[in-house]
Amino acid sequence: MNKIDILKKITDCGVVAVVRAKDPDRAKRISESCVEAGIAGIEITFTVPGALKVIEELASYYTGGEIIIGAGTVLDPETARAAILAGAQYVVSPSFNAETVRLCNRYQIASMPGAVSVKEVVEAMESGADIIKIFPGELFGPKIIKAILGPLPQAPLMPTGGVTLDNIGEWIKAGAVAVGVGGSLTAGAEKNDYASVIETGRLLVEKVRAARGL
């Protein structure tokens, strides 16, 4: 699947599951639950022990384009390259690193660096980033999306942090092309309650569609 199709699949769904877990097995089970919920983008963060192996196994299993496997908490181009070789189809970072974005462009892998100001968003777009991750979103709420889109209506923004069932519609209506959802989606996994992950995931996807009037 090429980069254009990958970005379209993520933005059409509107939800990226941010997977953080204490062990690889739990990360895989969370990912499988998110797939069942209909979430298109699965972001395996590098805070997960053995993250590369998890990415590799998921990428090898889901080969039909059902989901898009990405790598998160990528701080440098070396980690990005390792993730790409393991099968990551997009790379997400908590902050902007020009060399990481450049490497992703070299291999035509979607890049989503973090930013929290107009200056950082402009720099990320100038470097060729595909989607700008607004992080940490909980510090500002949906109003930051409207604030940035005022002078930069062309900016593709994806807030991460603080996105919940209660406010996901506000983020989308504010102009976010997608949202990254972590703890509010995956919390049940801490108690092995994967049914709640599936149910929450389905509701998140439904709320995105409703906010878009679909």
Protein backbone atom coordinates (compact mmCIF):
# COMPACT_ATOMS: atom_id res chain seq x y z
CA MET A 1 0.00 0.00 0.00
CA ASN A 2 1.49 3.35 -0.98
CA LYS A 3 1.74 6.40 1.27
CA ILE A 4 -1.25 8.19 -0.22
CA ASP A 5 -3.50 5.19 0.41
CA ILE A 6 -2.13 4.78 3.93
CA LEU A 7 -2.86 8.40 4.82
CA LYS A 8 -6.33 8.16 3.30
CA LYS A 9 -7.16 5.04 5.28
CA ILE A 10 -6.06 6.67 8.53
CA THR A 11 -7.90 9.93 7.93
CA ASP A 12 -11.04 8.20 6.63
CA CYS A 13 -11.28 6.27 9.90
CA GLY A 14 -10.11 9.23 11.95
CA VAL A 15 -8.78 7.20 14.89
CA VAL A 16 -5.23 6.04 15.58
CA ALA A 17 -4.83 3.69 18.55
CA VAL A 18 -1.73 4.61 20.57
CA VAL A 19 -0.55 1.33 22.08
CA ARG A 20 1.54 1.48 25.23
CA ALA A 21 1.91 -1.70 27.26
CA LYS A 22 4.19 -3.33 29.81
CA ASP A 23 4.93 -6.36 27.64
CA PRO A 24 4.76 -7.43 23.97
CA ASP A 25 1.88 -9.90 24.42
CA ARG A 26 -0.36 -7.27 25.95
CA ALA A 27 0.54 -4.85 23.15
CA LYS A 28 -0.46 -7.43 20.56
CA ARG A 29 -3.73 -8.20 22.32
CA ILE A 30 -4.58 -4.50 22.51
CA SER A 31 -3.80 -4.18 18.80
CA GLU A 32 -6.01 -7.14 17.93
CA SER A 33 -8.84 -5.62 19.97
CA CYS A 34 -8.47 -2.33 18.14
CA VAL A 35 -8.60 -4.13 14.81
CA GLU A 36 -11.84 -5.81 15.87
CA ALA A 37 -13.19 -2.39 16.84
CA GLY A 38 -12.62 -1.10 13.32
CA ILE A 39 -9.73 1.25 14.06
CA ALA A 40 -7.55 1.68 10.99
CA GLY A 41 -4.30 2.94 12.50
CA ILE A 42 -2.36 1.03 15.17
CA GLU A 43 0.63 2.87 16.63
CA ILE A 44 3.06 0.66 18.54
CA THR A 45 5.12 2.99 20.69
CA PHE A 46 8.79 2.39 21.37
CA THR A 47 8.02 2.46 25.09
CA VAL A 48 6.68 -1.10 24.61
CA PRO A 49 9.39 -3.68 25.43
CA GLY A 50 10.32 -5.46 22.21
CA ALA A 51 8.41 -2.91 20.12
CA LEU A 52 10.23 -3.83 16.90
CA LYS A 53 9.23 -7.46 17.25
CA VAL A 54 5.61 -6.50 17.88
CA ILE A 55 5.59 -4.31 14.76
CA GLU A 56 7.16 -7.09 12.73
CA GLU A 57 4.68 -9.71 13.90
CA LEU A 58 1.64 -7.50 13.32
CA ALA A 59 2.89 -6.39 9.91
CA SER A 60 3.47 -10.03 8.92
CA TYR A 61 0.01 -11.09 10.09
CA TYR A 62 -2.11 -8.24 8.75
CA THR A 63 -1.08 -8.27 5.11
CA GLY A 64 -4.45 -7.57 3.51
CA GLY A 65 -4.57 -3.85 4.25
CA GLU A 66 -7.10 -4.29 7.10
CA ILE A 67 -5.07 -1.98 9.30
CA ILE A 68 -2.09 0.32 9.09
CA ILE A 69 0.77 -0.51 11.47
CA GLY A 70 2.85 2.40 12.68
CA ALA A 71 5.69 3.11 15.09
CA GLY A 72 5.32 5.71 17.83
CA THR A 73 7.63 7.58 20.20
CA VAL A 74 10.25 7.66 17.45
CA LEU A 75 12.90 10.18 18.47
CA ASP A 76 15.52 9.84 15.73
CA PRO A 77 16.10 8.60 12.16
CA GLU A 78 17.92 5.47 13.35
CA THR A 79 14.84 4.28 15.22
CA ALA A 80 12.63 5.28 12.30
CA ARG A 81 14.69 3.19 9.86
CA ALA A 82 14.60 0.17 12.17
CA ALA A 83 10.82 0.51 12.46
CA ILE A 84 10.40 0.78 8.69
CA LEU A 85 12.50 -2.35 8.15
CA ALA A 86 10.30 -4.15 10.68
CA GLY A 87 7.22 -3.22 8.67
CA ALA A 88 6.01 0.13 10.04
CA GLN A 89 3.92 2.01 7.48
CA TYR A 90 4.01 5.34 9.28
CA VAL A 91 6.19 6.96 11.91
CA VAL A 92 4.95 9.11 14.79
CA SER A 93 7.13 11.30 17.01
CA PRO A 94 6.37 13.34 20.14
CA SER A 95 8.42 16.23 18.74
CA PHE A 96 9.78 17.47 15.42
CA ASN A 97 13.07 16.05 14.20
CA ALA A 98 13.93 17.12 10.65
CA GLU A 99 16.25 14.18 9.99
CA THR A 100 13.53 11.70 10.94
CA VAL A 101 11.05 13.33 8.57
CA ARG A 102 13.68 13.43 5.82
CA LEU A 103 14.37 9.72 6.23
CA CYS A 104 10.66 8.90 6.08
CA ASN A 105 10.35 10.93 2.88
CA ARG A 106 13.32 9.09 1.41
CA TYR A 107 11.48 5.79 1.79
CA GLN A 108 8.00 7.25 1.16
CA ILE A 109 6.78 6.40 4.64
CA ALA A 110 4.16 8.67 6.21
CA SER A 111 5.63 10.86 8.96
CA MET A 112 3.71 12.44 11.84
CA PRO A 113 5.99 14.59 14.01
CA GLY A 114 4.79 16.33 17.15
CA ALA A 115 4.28 20.07 17.47
CA VAL A 116 2.53 22.44 19.81
CA SER A 117 2.95 25.89 18.25
CA VAL A 118 2.35 27.58 14.90
CA LYS A 119 6.12 27.89 14.41
CA GLU A 120 6.66 24.16 14.96
CA VAL A 121 3.75 23.24 12.69
CA VAL A 122 5.14 25.40 9.88
CA GLU A 123 8.62 23.90 10.29
CA ALA A 124 7.20 20.38 10.21
CA MET A 125 5.17 21.08 7.07
CA GLU A 126 8.15 22.73 5.35
CA SER A 127 10.20 19.61 6.06
CA GLY A 128 7.61 17.43 4.30
CA ALA A 129 5.69 15.96 7.24
CA ASP A 130 2.39 14.39 6.23
CA ILE A 131 0.33 14.93 9.39
CA ILE A 132 1.28 17.09 12.37
CA LYS A 133 0.68 15.50 15.75
CA ILE A 134 -0.51 18.11 18.24
CA PHE A 135 0.95 16.87 21.50
CA PRO A 136 0.23 16.92 24.37
CA GLY A 137 -3.34 17.76 23.42
CA GLU A 138 -4.69 17.69 26.97
CA LEU A 139 -2.78 20.87 27.80
CA PHE A 140 -4.95 22.91 25.44
CA GLY A 141 -8.06 21.00 24.38
CA PRO A 142 -9.78 21.28 20.98
CA LYS A 143 -9.37 25.07 20.94
CA ILE A 144 -5.71 24.66 19.90
CA ILE A 145 -6.81 23.07 16.62
CA LYS A 146 -8.99 26.07 15.76
CA ALA A 147 -6.23 28.44 16.86
CA ILE A 148 -3.61 26.85 14.59
CA LEU A 149 -5.96 26.41 11.64
CA GLY A 150 -6.77 30.14 11.76
CA PRO A 151 -3.47 31.19 10.17
CA LEU A 152 -2.71 27.70 8.76
CA PRO A 153 -5.96 26.29 7.31
CA GLN A 154 -3.91 23.89 5.17
CA ALA A 155 -2.31 22.17 8.17
CA PRO A 156 -3.27 18.48 8.65
CA LEU A 157 -3.49 18.19 12.44
CA MET A 158 -3.89 15.10 14.63
CA PRO A 159 -4.19 15.73 18.38
CA THR A 160 -2.89 13.07 20.75
CA GLY A 161 -3.28 13.13 24.51
CA GLY A 162 -6.50 13.93 26.29
CA VAL A 163 -8.78 12.56 23.56
CA THR A 164 -11.74 10.70 25.08
CA LEU A 165 -15.21 9.48 24.16
CA ASP A 166 -16.59 12.66 25.67
CA ASN A 167 -14.57 15.08 23.56
CA ILE A 168 -13.52 13.26 20.40
CA GLY A 169 -16.35 14.89 18.46
CA GLU A 170 -15.12 18.34 19.52
CA TRP A 171 -11.62 17.60 18.22
CA ILE A 172 -12.98 16.48 14.85
CA LYS A 173 -15.37 19.42 14.55
CA ALA A 174 -12.50 21.76 15.40
CA GLY A 175 -10.75 20.54 12.24
CA ALA A 176 -8.54 17.60 13.22
CA VAL A 177 -8.02 15.16 10.33
CA ALA A 178 -7.69 12.32 12.86
CA VAL A 179 -7.03 11.79 16.56
CA GLY A 180 -4.58 9.65 18.47
CA VAL A 181 -6.16 7.87 21.43
CA GLY A 182 -4.18 6.07 24.11
CA GLY A 183 -5.16 5.54 27.73
CA SER A 184 -8.85 6.30 27.38
CA LEU A 185 -9.04 3.52 24.77
CA THR A 186 -6.68 0.91 26.19
CA ALA A 187 -7.18 1.29 29.97
CA GLY A 188 -9.19 -1.94 30.24
CA ALA A 189 -6.21 -3.96 29.05
CA GLU A 190 -4.52 -3.35 32.40
CA LYS A 191 -7.15 -5.67 33.90
CA ASN A 192 -7.23 -7.98 30.87
CA ASP A 193 -10.60 -6.50 29.93
CA TYR A 194 -10.13 -6.47 26.19
CA ALA A 195 -13.88 -6.43 25.58
CA SER A 196 -13.91 -2.87 26.91
CA VAL A 197 -11.12 -1.93 24.50
CA ILE A 198 -13.21 -3.25 21.60
CA GLU A 199 -16.35 -1.46 22.77
CA THR A 200 -14.55 1.83 23.38
CA GLY A 201 -12.85 1.58 20.01
CA ARG A 202 -16.13 1.06 18.21
CA LEU A 203 -17.69 4.02 19.97
CA LEU A 204 -14.72 6.25 19.10
CA VAL A 205 -15.05 5.38 15.42
CA GLU A 206 -18.79 5.98 15.53
CA LYS A 207 -18.34 9.37 17.19
CA VAL A 208 -15.87 10.46 14.50
CA ARG A 209 -18.40 9.56 11.82
CA ALA A 210 -21.15 11.40 13.68
CA ALA A 211 -18.98 14.51 14.08
CA ARG A 212 -18.36 14.45 10.33
CA GLY A 213 -22.05 14.08 9.65
CA LEU A 214 -21.67 10.63 8.09
